[in-house]
């Protein structure tokens, strides 16, 4: 399996705006699914379709309860997993996170670093999850003065255009 990120349109086989019934069927074809919050959506409570595959997980979100509105791909559980997740030929989980962000910026997409462990790429509608996970080594020495973070991303959120406009406005309002 190979997943190509195509922000702001979706990923291989899953396009934003895809009806939920089609989404559930396509997700079930990949692996076991579990659906959460199938009722009427609210700002923080909306349908999520959790898809568990042998080597990693994908969470598909339907914030309107009708269509695919965003998705979150978790880093494969093992380093030798046969599941490349790429953006423009770059393996987003096997490329060191700092290098990946440099490549994204070199392609003309500024990375917003105000949230240290959750950098955003608003021009691409990507959310990078850089939170620590036990199986991901750090990229430097860890002490209280260090800016060391995990060497690789923990997950990546892909969303439609303008997805992060509201999030960035809230961050700015908090004075960050």
N, C-alpha and C. Protein backbone atom coordinates (compact mmCIF):
# COMPACT_ATOMS: atom_id res chain seq x y z
N UNK A 1 0.85 -1.18 0.00
CA UNK A 1 0.00 0.00 0.00
C UNK A 1 0.89 1.24 0.00
N UNK A 2 0.52 2.23 -0.78
CA UNK A 2 1.23 3.51 -0.83
C UNK A 2 0.18 4.61 -0.76
N UNK A 3 0.37 5.54 0.16
CA UNK A 3 -0.56 6.66 0.31
C UNK A 3 0.14 7.93 -0.12
N UNK A 4 -0.42 8.61 -1.09
CA UNK A 4 0.10 9.90 -1.54
C UNK A 4 -0.80 11.00 -0.98
N UNK A 5 -0.19 11.93 -0.25
CA UNK A 5 -0.94 13.08 0.26
C UNK A 5 -1.15 14.06 -0.89
N UNK A 6 -2.36 14.52 -1.04
CA UNK A 6 -2.70 15.47 -2.11
C UNK A 6 -3.49 16.64 -1.52
N UNK A 7 -2.86 17.36 -0.59
CA UNK A 7 -3.59 18.49 -0.01
C UNK A 7 -3.75 19.61 -1.04
N UNK A 8 -4.83 20.28 -1.08
CA UNK A 8 -5.98 20.25 -0.18
C UNK A 8 -7.12 19.35 -0.68
N UNK A 9 -6.80 18.35 -1.51
CA UNK A 9 -7.83 17.50 -2.11
C UNK A 9 -8.13 16.22 -1.34
N UNK A 10 -7.15 15.69 -0.61
CA UNK A 10 -7.32 14.44 0.11
C UNK A 10 -6.07 13.59 0.03
N UNK A 11 -6.26 12.27 -0.04
CA UNK A 11 -5.17 11.32 -0.19
C UNK A 11 -5.61 10.28 -1.20
N UNK A 12 -4.70 9.40 -1.56
CA UNK A 12 -5.01 8.32 -2.49
C UNK A 12 -6.31 7.62 -2.10
N UNK A 13 -7.29 7.64 -2.99
CA UNK A 13 -8.55 6.93 -2.77
C UNK A 13 -9.58 7.65 -1.91
N UNK A 14 -9.22 8.79 -1.33
CA UNK A 14 -10.14 9.50 -0.44
C UNK A 14 -10.07 10.99 -0.73
N UNK A 15 -11.16 11.53 -1.29
CA UNK A 15 -11.23 12.94 -1.64
C UNK A 15 -12.14 13.67 -0.68
N UNK A 16 -11.75 14.88 -0.30
CA UNK A 16 -12.62 15.68 0.56
C UNK A 16 -13.92 15.96 -0.17
N UNK A 17 -15.02 15.87 0.58
CA UNK A 17 -16.34 15.99 0.00
C UNK A 17 -16.95 14.64 -0.33
N UNK A 18 -16.18 13.56 -0.21
CA UNK A 18 -16.67 12.21 -0.45
C UNK A 18 -17.82 11.92 0.52
N UNK A 19 -18.98 11.42 0.04
CA UNK A 19 -20.10 11.12 0.95
C UNK A 19 -19.71 10.06 2.00
N UNK A 20 -20.26 10.20 3.19
CA UNK A 20 -19.91 9.32 4.31
C UNK A 20 -20.15 7.85 3.99
N UNK A 21 -21.22 7.51 3.29
CA UNK A 21 -21.47 6.09 2.97
C UNK A 21 -20.34 5.52 2.11
N UNK A 22 -19.89 6.29 1.12
CA UNK A 22 -18.76 5.85 0.30
C UNK A 22 -17.48 5.78 1.12
N UNK A 23 -17.30 6.76 2.00
CA UNK A 23 -16.13 6.81 2.87
C UNK A 23 -16.06 5.56 3.74
N UNK A 24 -17.17 5.21 4.38
CA UNK A 24 -17.19 4.03 5.25
C UNK A 24 -16.85 2.76 4.47
N UNK A 25 -17.41 2.63 3.27
CA UNK A 25 -17.14 1.44 2.46
C UNK A 25 -15.68 1.39 2.04
N UNK A 26 -15.13 2.51 1.61
CA UNK A 26 -13.73 2.55 1.18
C UNK A 26 -12.79 2.30 2.36
N UNK A 27 -13.12 2.86 3.53
CA UNK A 27 -12.29 2.65 4.72
C UNK A 27 -12.35 1.19 5.17
N UNK A 28 -13.54 0.58 5.10
CA UNK A 28 -13.70 -0.83 5.49
C UNK A 28 -12.92 -1.74 4.56
N UNK A 29 -12.74 -1.33 3.31
CA UNK A 29 -11.95 -2.13 2.37
C UNK A 29 -10.47 -2.14 2.75
N UNK A 30 -10.03 -1.13 3.52
CA UNK A 30 -8.64 -1.07 3.97
C UNK A 30 -8.38 -1.89 5.22
N UNK A 31 -9.36 -1.89 6.14
CA UNK A 31 -9.17 -2.58 7.41
C UNK A 31 -10.39 -2.44 8.28
N UNK A 32 -10.24 -2.87 9.51
CA UNK A 32 -11.35 -2.81 10.47
C UNK A 32 -11.66 -1.36 10.80
N UNK A 33 -12.97 -1.02 10.80
CA UNK A 33 -13.35 0.36 11.13
C UNK A 33 -14.21 0.39 12.39
N UNK A 34 -14.17 1.55 13.03
CA UNK A 34 -15.03 1.84 14.17
C UNK A 34 -15.52 3.26 13.98
N UNK A 35 -16.82 3.47 14.06
CA UNK A 35 -17.40 4.79 13.85
C UNK A 35 -17.77 5.39 15.19
N UNK A 36 -17.35 6.63 15.40
CA UNK A 36 -17.66 7.34 16.63
C UNK A 36 -18.45 8.61 16.34
N UNK A 37 -19.33 8.97 17.24
CA UNK A 37 -20.10 10.22 17.16
C UNK A 37 -20.92 10.34 15.88
N UNK A 38 -21.79 9.36 15.65
CA UNK A 38 -22.59 9.40 14.43
C UNK A 38 -23.78 10.35 14.50
N UNK A 39 -24.03 10.95 15.64
CA UNK A 39 -25.18 11.86 15.77
C UNK A 39 -24.94 13.19 15.09
N UNK A 40 -25.83 14.13 15.34
CA UNK A 40 -25.68 15.46 14.75
C UNK A 40 -24.36 16.10 15.20
N UNK A 41 -23.61 16.69 14.27
CA UNK A 41 -22.32 17.25 14.62
C UNK A 41 -22.43 18.57 15.38
N UNK A 42 -21.44 18.81 16.23
CA UNK A 42 -21.25 20.11 16.88
C UNK A 42 -19.79 20.49 16.64
N UNK A 43 -19.39 21.65 17.11
CA UNK A 43 -18.02 22.11 16.84
C UNK A 43 -16.97 21.10 17.28
N UNK A 44 -17.10 20.52 18.45
CA UNK A 44 -16.08 19.61 18.96
C UNK A 44 -16.51 18.15 18.99
N UNK A 45 -17.72 17.87 18.55
CA UNK A 45 -18.21 16.49 18.52
C UNK A 45 -18.74 16.21 17.13
N UNK A 46 -18.00 15.41 16.39
CA UNK A 46 -18.40 15.09 15.03
C UNK A 46 -17.98 13.67 14.70
N UNK A 47 -18.50 13.15 13.60
CA UNK A 47 -18.25 11.76 13.22
C UNK A 47 -16.78 11.54 12.90
N UNK A 48 -16.28 10.45 13.45
CA UNK A 48 -14.92 10.00 13.16
C UNK A 48 -14.99 8.53 12.78
N UNK A 49 -14.31 8.19 11.73
CA UNK A 49 -14.24 6.80 11.29
C UNK A 49 -12.80 6.35 11.49
N UNK A 50 -12.60 5.53 12.51
CA UNK A 50 -11.28 5.04 12.85
C UNK A 50 -11.02 3.78 12.03
N UNK A 51 -9.94 3.78 11.28
CA UNK A 51 -9.59 2.63 10.46
C UNK A 51 -8.28 2.06 10.94
N UNK A 52 -8.34 0.84 11.44
CA UNK A 52 -7.14 0.19 11.95
C UNK A 52 -6.62 -0.78 10.91
N UNK A 53 -5.41 -0.52 10.48
CA UNK A 53 -4.74 -1.39 9.52
C UNK A 53 -3.64 -2.14 10.27
N UNK A 54 -3.07 -3.17 9.67
CA UNK A 54 -2.06 -3.95 10.38
C UNK A 54 -0.85 -3.12 10.85
N UNK A 55 -0.45 -2.10 10.09
CA UNK A 55 0.78 -1.38 10.42
C UNK A 55 0.57 0.06 10.87
N UNK A 56 -0.65 0.61 10.73
CA UNK A 56 -0.90 1.99 11.12
C UNK A 56 -2.40 2.25 11.16
N UNK A 57 -2.78 3.46 11.54
CA UNK A 57 -4.19 3.85 11.65
C UNK A 57 -4.45 5.13 10.85
N UNK A 58 -5.68 5.25 10.37
CA UNK A 58 -6.15 6.49 9.76
C UNK A 58 -7.46 6.85 10.43
N UNK A 59 -7.60 8.11 10.80
CA UNK A 59 -8.87 8.60 11.34
C UNK A 59 -9.45 9.56 10.30
N UNK A 60 -10.61 9.18 9.76
CA UNK A 60 -11.32 10.02 8.81
C UNK A 60 -12.36 10.84 9.58
N UNK A 61 -12.46 12.12 9.30
CA UNK A 61 -13.38 12.99 10.02
C UNK A 61 -14.46 13.54 9.09
N UNK A 62 -15.67 13.59 9.63
CA UNK A 62 -16.79 14.21 8.92
C UNK A 62 -17.39 15.24 9.87
N UNK A 63 -16.89 16.46 9.77
CA UNK A 63 -17.33 17.51 10.68
C UNK A 63 -18.73 18.00 10.36
N UNK A 64 -19.22 17.69 9.15
CA UNK A 64 -20.60 18.07 8.80
C UNK A 64 -21.55 16.87 8.90
N UNK A 65 -21.03 15.68 9.21
CA UNK A 65 -21.84 14.47 9.32
C UNK A 65 -22.28 13.89 7.99
N UNK A 66 -21.82 14.49 6.88
CA UNK A 66 -22.25 14.05 5.56
C UNK A 66 -21.11 13.68 4.63
N UNK A 67 -19.95 14.34 4.80
CA UNK A 67 -18.84 14.15 3.86
C UNK A 67 -17.51 14.08 4.60
N UNK A 68 -16.48 13.61 3.90
CA UNK A 68 -15.13 13.61 4.44
C UNK A 68 -14.62 15.04 4.48
N UNK A 69 -14.22 15.51 5.68
CA UNK A 69 -13.76 16.89 5.82
C UNK A 69 -12.30 17.00 6.22
N UNK A 70 -11.71 15.97 6.78
CA UNK A 70 -10.29 15.95 7.09
C UNK A 70 -9.91 14.52 7.45
N UNK A 71 -8.61 14.26 7.55
CA UNK A 71 -8.17 12.93 7.94
C UNK A 71 -6.81 13.03 8.61
N UNK A 72 -6.56 12.09 9.49
CA UNK A 72 -5.34 12.08 10.27
C UNK A 72 -4.70 10.71 10.12
N UNK A 73 -3.45 10.69 9.65
CA UNK A 73 -2.73 9.43 9.45
C UNK A 73 -1.67 9.31 10.53
N UNK A 74 -1.65 8.18 11.23
CA UNK A 74 -0.67 7.93 12.27
C UNK A 74 0.59 7.30 11.68
N UNK A 75 1.71 7.62 12.28
CA UNK A 75 2.98 7.02 11.88
C UNK A 75 2.87 5.50 12.00
N UNK A 76 3.40 4.76 11.00
CA UNK A 76 3.38 3.30 11.12
C UNK A 76 4.02 2.84 12.43
N UNK A 77 3.53 1.73 12.94
CA UNK A 77 3.97 1.20 14.24
C UNK A 77 5.42 0.73 14.22
N UNK A 78 5.90 0.28 13.06
CA UNK A 78 7.27 -0.21 12.95
C UNK A 78 7.98 0.52 11.81
N UNK A 79 9.29 0.72 11.96
CA UNK A 79 10.04 1.47 10.97
C UNK A 79 10.12 0.80 9.61
N UNK A 80 10.06 -0.53 9.57
CA UNK A 80 10.17 -1.22 8.29
C UNK A 80 8.80 -1.54 7.67
N UNK A 81 7.77 -0.85 8.12
CA UNK A 81 6.42 -1.06 7.57
C UNK A 81 6.43 -0.76 6.07
N UNK A 82 5.70 -1.56 5.34
CA UNK A 82 5.62 -1.39 3.89
C UNK A 82 4.45 -0.47 3.55
N UNK A 83 4.45 0.73 4.12
CA UNK A 83 3.37 1.68 3.94
C UNK A 83 3.96 3.07 3.74
N UNK A 84 4.53 3.34 2.59
CA UNK A 84 5.03 4.70 2.41
C UNK A 84 3.87 5.70 2.34
N UNK A 85 4.01 6.78 3.08
CA UNK A 85 3.07 7.89 3.04
C UNK A 85 3.88 9.07 2.52
N UNK A 86 3.56 9.52 1.31
CA UNK A 86 4.41 10.52 0.67
C UNK A 86 3.66 11.79 0.31
N UNK A 87 4.43 12.86 0.21
CA UNK A 87 3.97 14.14 -0.34
C UNK A 87 5.03 14.53 -1.35
N UNK A 88 4.62 14.61 -2.62
CA UNK A 88 5.54 14.97 -3.71
C UNK A 88 6.81 14.12 -3.69
N UNK A 89 6.63 12.83 -3.43
CA UNK A 89 7.74 11.89 -3.44
C UNK A 89 8.54 11.83 -2.16
N UNK A 90 8.24 12.65 -1.18
CA UNK A 90 8.96 12.67 0.10
C UNK A 90 8.20 11.81 1.09
N UNK A 91 8.86 10.84 1.69
CA UNK A 91 8.23 9.98 2.69
C UNK A 91 8.09 10.77 3.98
N UNK A 92 6.87 11.14 4.36
CA UNK A 92 6.65 12.04 5.49
C UNK A 92 6.96 11.41 6.85
N UNK A 93 6.98 10.09 6.93
CA UNK A 93 7.27 9.45 8.21
C UNK A 93 8.69 8.89 8.31
N UNK A 94 9.40 8.81 7.20
CA UNK A 94 10.77 8.31 7.23
C UNK A 94 11.81 9.40 7.00
N UNK A 95 11.35 10.60 6.69
CA UNK A 95 12.23 11.75 6.56
C UNK A 95 12.26 12.45 7.91
N UNK A 96 13.44 12.77 8.44
CA UNK A 96 13.47 13.50 9.72
C UNK A 96 12.57 14.74 9.64
N UNK A 97 11.82 14.97 10.72
CA UNK A 97 10.80 16.02 10.73
C UNK A 97 11.35 17.40 10.39
N UNK A 98 12.49 17.75 10.94
CA UNK A 98 13.06 19.08 10.64
C UNK A 98 13.40 19.19 9.16
N UNK A 99 13.95 18.12 8.59
CA UNK A 99 14.28 18.10 7.16
C UNK A 99 13.00 18.18 6.31
N UNK A 100 11.97 17.46 6.72
CA UNK A 100 10.69 17.50 6.00
C UNK A 100 10.14 18.93 5.97
N UNK A 101 10.18 19.60 7.13
CA UNK A 101 9.67 20.97 7.19
C UNK A 101 10.51 21.91 6.32
N UNK A 102 11.81 21.68 6.26
CA UNK A 102 12.66 22.48 5.38
C UNK A 102 12.29 22.26 3.92
N UNK A 103 12.00 21.02 3.54
CA UNK A 103 11.61 20.71 2.16
C UNK A 103 10.26 21.32 1.82
N UNK A 104 9.33 21.30 2.77
CA UNK A 104 8.03 21.93 2.55
C UNK A 104 8.21 23.43 2.34
N UNK A 105 9.03 24.05 3.18
CA UNK A 105 9.27 25.49 3.04
C UNK A 105 10.00 25.81 1.74
N UNK A 106 10.94 24.95 1.33
CA UNK A 106 11.66 25.16 0.08
C UNK A 106 10.72 25.07 -1.13
N UNK A 107 9.61 24.35 -0.96
CA UNK A 107 8.61 24.25 -2.03
C UNK A 107 7.68 25.46 -2.04
N UNK A 108 7.90 26.41 -1.11
CA UNK A 108 7.12 27.64 -1.10
C UNK A 108 5.96 27.68 -0.12
N UNK A 109 5.95 26.76 0.85
CA UNK A 109 4.86 26.71 1.83
C UNK A 109 5.42 26.97 3.23
N UNK A 110 5.21 28.17 3.77
CA UNK A 110 5.71 28.47 5.11
C UNK A 110 5.07 27.56 6.17
N UNK A 111 5.91 27.14 7.11
CA UNK A 111 5.44 26.32 8.23
C UNK A 111 5.26 27.24 9.44
N UNK A 112 4.08 27.19 10.05
CA UNK A 112 3.78 27.99 11.23
C UNK A 112 4.20 27.17 12.46
N UNK A 113 5.19 27.67 13.19
CA UNK A 113 5.77 26.93 14.33
C UNK A 113 5.28 27.43 15.68
N UNK A 114 4.21 28.22 15.74
CA UNK A 114 3.77 28.77 17.04
C UNK A 114 3.38 27.68 18.02
N UNK A 115 2.82 26.60 17.54
CA UNK A 115 2.52 25.45 18.40
C UNK A 115 3.65 24.44 18.17
N UNK A 116 4.63 24.41 19.08
CA UNK A 116 5.88 23.66 18.87
C UNK A 116 5.67 22.21 18.43
N UNK A 117 4.80 21.50 19.11
CA UNK A 117 4.62 20.08 18.77
C UNK A 117 3.55 19.85 17.70
N UNK A 118 2.93 20.94 17.22
CA UNK A 118 1.92 20.81 16.17
C UNK A 118 2.10 21.90 15.11
N UNK A 119 3.23 21.89 14.39
CA UNK A 119 3.40 22.89 13.34
C UNK A 119 2.31 22.75 12.28
N UNK A 120 1.92 23.87 11.71
CA UNK A 120 0.87 23.88 10.68
C UNK A 120 1.45 24.39 9.37
N UNK A 121 0.92 23.88 8.28
CA UNK A 121 1.28 24.37 6.96
C UNK A 121 -0.02 24.83 6.32
N UNK A 122 -0.43 26.08 6.64
CA UNK A 122 -1.75 26.53 6.19
C UNK A 122 -1.90 26.55 4.66
N UNK A 123 -0.87 26.89 3.92
CA UNK A 123 -0.96 26.91 2.47
C UNK A 123 -1.20 25.55 1.85
N UNK A 124 -0.84 24.50 2.56
CA UNK A 124 -1.08 23.13 2.10
C UNK A 124 -2.21 22.45 2.87
N UNK A 125 -2.66 23.08 3.92
CA UNK A 125 -3.65 22.48 4.81
C UNK A 125 -3.15 21.16 5.39
N UNK A 126 -1.93 21.22 5.93
CA UNK A 126 -1.34 20.08 6.62
C UNK A 126 -1.10 20.46 8.08
N UNK A 127 -1.40 19.53 8.96
CA UNK A 127 -1.08 19.68 10.37
C UNK A 127 -0.09 18.60 10.74
N UNK A 128 1.06 18.98 11.26
CA UNK A 128 2.12 18.03 11.59
C UNK A 128 2.07 17.73 13.08
N UNK A 129 2.07 16.47 13.43
CA UNK A 129 2.05 16.07 14.83
C UNK A 129 3.45 15.59 15.19
N UNK A 130 4.11 16.38 16.02
CA UNK A 130 5.48 16.13 16.41
C UNK A 130 5.56 15.75 17.87
N UNK A 131 4.44 15.36 18.48
CA UNK A 131 4.43 14.95 19.89
C UNK A 131 5.29 13.71 20.07
N UNK A 132 5.93 13.58 21.22
CA UNK A 132 6.74 12.39 21.49
C UNK A 132 5.91 11.11 21.49
N UNK A 133 6.52 10.03 21.07
CA UNK A 133 5.95 8.70 21.15
C UNK A 133 7.11 7.79 21.53
N UNK A 134 6.88 6.83 22.39
CA UNK A 134 7.96 6.01 22.95
C UNK A 134 8.89 5.40 21.91
N UNK A 135 8.38 5.05 20.75
CA UNK A 135 9.20 4.35 19.77
C UNK A 135 9.91 5.28 18.78
N UNK A 136 9.79 6.60 18.96
CA UNK A 136 10.42 7.55 18.05
C UNK A 136 11.60 8.21 18.77
N UNK A 137 12.83 8.01 18.24
CA UNK A 137 13.99 8.63 18.90
C UNK A 137 13.95 10.16 18.78
N UNK A 138 14.64 10.85 19.69
CA UNK A 138 14.71 12.30 19.65
C UNK A 138 15.86 12.75 18.75
N UNK A 139 15.75 13.99 18.28
CA UNK A 139 16.76 14.51 17.36
C UNK A 139 17.88 15.27 18.05
N UNK A 140 17.97 15.17 19.35
CA UNK A 140 19.02 15.86 20.09
C UNK A 140 18.98 15.44 21.55
N UNK A 141 19.87 16.02 22.34
CA UNK A 141 19.89 15.73 23.77
C UNK A 141 18.68 16.37 24.43
N UNK A 142 18.11 15.66 25.38
CA UNK A 142 16.94 16.16 26.07
C UNK A 142 17.35 16.68 27.44
N UNK A 143 17.19 17.97 27.64
CA UNK A 143 17.35 18.59 28.94
C UNK A 143 16.40 19.78 28.98
N UNK A 144 16.33 20.46 30.09
CA UNK A 144 15.32 21.52 30.22
C UNK A 144 15.57 22.71 29.29
N UNK A 145 16.79 22.88 28.78
CA UNK A 145 17.08 23.98 27.86
C UNK A 145 17.03 23.55 26.40
N UNK A 146 16.76 22.30 26.16
CA UNK A 146 16.81 21.75 24.81
C UNK A 146 15.55 22.04 24.02
N UNK A 147 15.72 22.17 22.71
CA UNK A 147 14.54 22.24 21.84
C UNK A 147 14.39 20.93 21.07
N UNK A 148 14.96 19.85 21.63
CA UNK A 148 14.89 18.54 20.98
C UNK A 148 13.43 18.09 20.89
N UNK A 149 13.12 17.52 19.78
CA UNK A 149 11.80 16.95 19.52
C UNK A 149 12.03 15.58 18.91
N UNK A 150 10.97 14.76 18.77
CA UNK A 150 11.17 13.47 18.12
C UNK A 150 11.78 13.66 16.73
N UNK A 151 12.59 12.72 16.33
CA UNK A 151 13.26 12.78 15.04
C UNK A 151 12.25 12.76 13.89
N UNK A 152 11.17 12.02 14.05
CA UNK A 152 10.18 11.86 12.99
C UNK A 152 8.80 12.33 13.45
N UNK A 153 7.93 12.60 12.50
CA UNK A 153 6.55 12.96 12.82
C UNK A 153 5.83 11.78 13.44
N UNK A 154 4.88 12.09 14.30
CA UNK A 154 4.02 11.07 14.91
C UNK A 154 2.77 10.86 14.06
N UNK A 155 2.33 11.91 13.40
CA UNK A 155 1.13 11.83 12.57
C UNK A 155 1.03 13.06 11.70
N UNK A 156 0.10 13.01 10.76
CA UNK A 156 -0.11 14.15 9.87
C UNK A 156 -1.59 14.27 9.57
N UNK A 157 -2.10 15.49 9.69
CA UNK A 157 -3.49 15.77 9.38
C UNK A 157 -3.54 16.44 8.01
N UNK A 158 -4.41 15.95 7.15
CA UNK A 158 -4.60 16.52 5.82
C UNK A 158 -6.02 17.08 5.77
N UNK A 159 -6.16 18.29 5.23
CA UNK A 159 -7.46 18.96 5.25
C UNK A 159 -7.66 19.77 3.98
N UNK A 160 -8.91 20.21 3.74
CA UNK A 160 -9.18 21.06 2.59
C UNK A 160 -8.59 22.47 2.77
N UNK A 161 -8.57 23.23 1.69
CA UNK A 161 -8.08 24.61 1.73
C UNK A 161 -8.84 25.40 2.79
N UNK A 162 -8.18 26.35 3.38
CA UNK A 162 -8.72 27.25 4.42
C UNK A 162 -9.05 26.55 5.73
N UNK A 163 -8.73 25.28 5.88
CA UNK A 163 -9.06 24.54 7.09
C UNK A 163 -8.46 25.19 8.33
N UNK A 164 -7.23 25.69 8.20
CA UNK A 164 -6.54 26.23 9.37
C UNK A 164 -6.77 27.72 9.58
N UNK A 165 -7.55 28.38 8.76
CA UNK A 165 -7.79 29.81 8.94
C UNK A 165 -8.32 30.13 10.33
N UNK A 166 -9.32 29.40 10.79
CA UNK A 166 -9.91 29.64 12.11
C UNK A 166 -8.92 29.30 13.23
N UNK A 167 -8.19 28.20 13.07
CA UNK A 167 -7.21 27.80 14.08
C UNK A 167 -6.13 28.88 14.22
N UNK A 168 -5.62 29.37 13.10
CA UNK A 168 -4.57 30.39 13.15
C UNK A 168 -5.11 31.70 13.74
N UNK A 169 -6.35 32.02 13.46
CA UNK A 169 -6.96 33.22 14.05
C UNK A 169 -7.06 33.08 15.58
N UNK A 170 -7.41 31.88 16.06
CA UNK A 170 -7.49 31.64 17.51
C UNK A 170 -6.10 31.72 18.15
N UNK A 171 -5.08 31.18 17.49
CA UNK A 171 -3.72 31.25 18.01
C UNK A 171 -3.28 32.70 18.11
N UNK A 172 -3.57 33.47 17.06
CA UNK A 172 -3.19 34.89 17.05
C UNK A 172 -3.94 35.66 18.15
N UNK A 173 -5.19 35.32 18.38
CA UNK A 173 -5.98 36.00 19.41
C UNK A 173 -5.43 35.72 20.81
N UNK A 174 -4.79 34.55 20.98
CA UNK A 174 -4.19 34.21 22.28
C UNK A 174 -2.82 34.88 22.45
N UNK A 175 -2.39 35.59 21.43
CA UNK A 175 -1.13 36.32 21.52
C UNK A 175 0.10 35.48 21.28
N UNK A 176 -0.03 34.37 20.59
CA UNK A 176 1.14 33.52 20.32
C UNK A 176 1.75 33.88 19.00
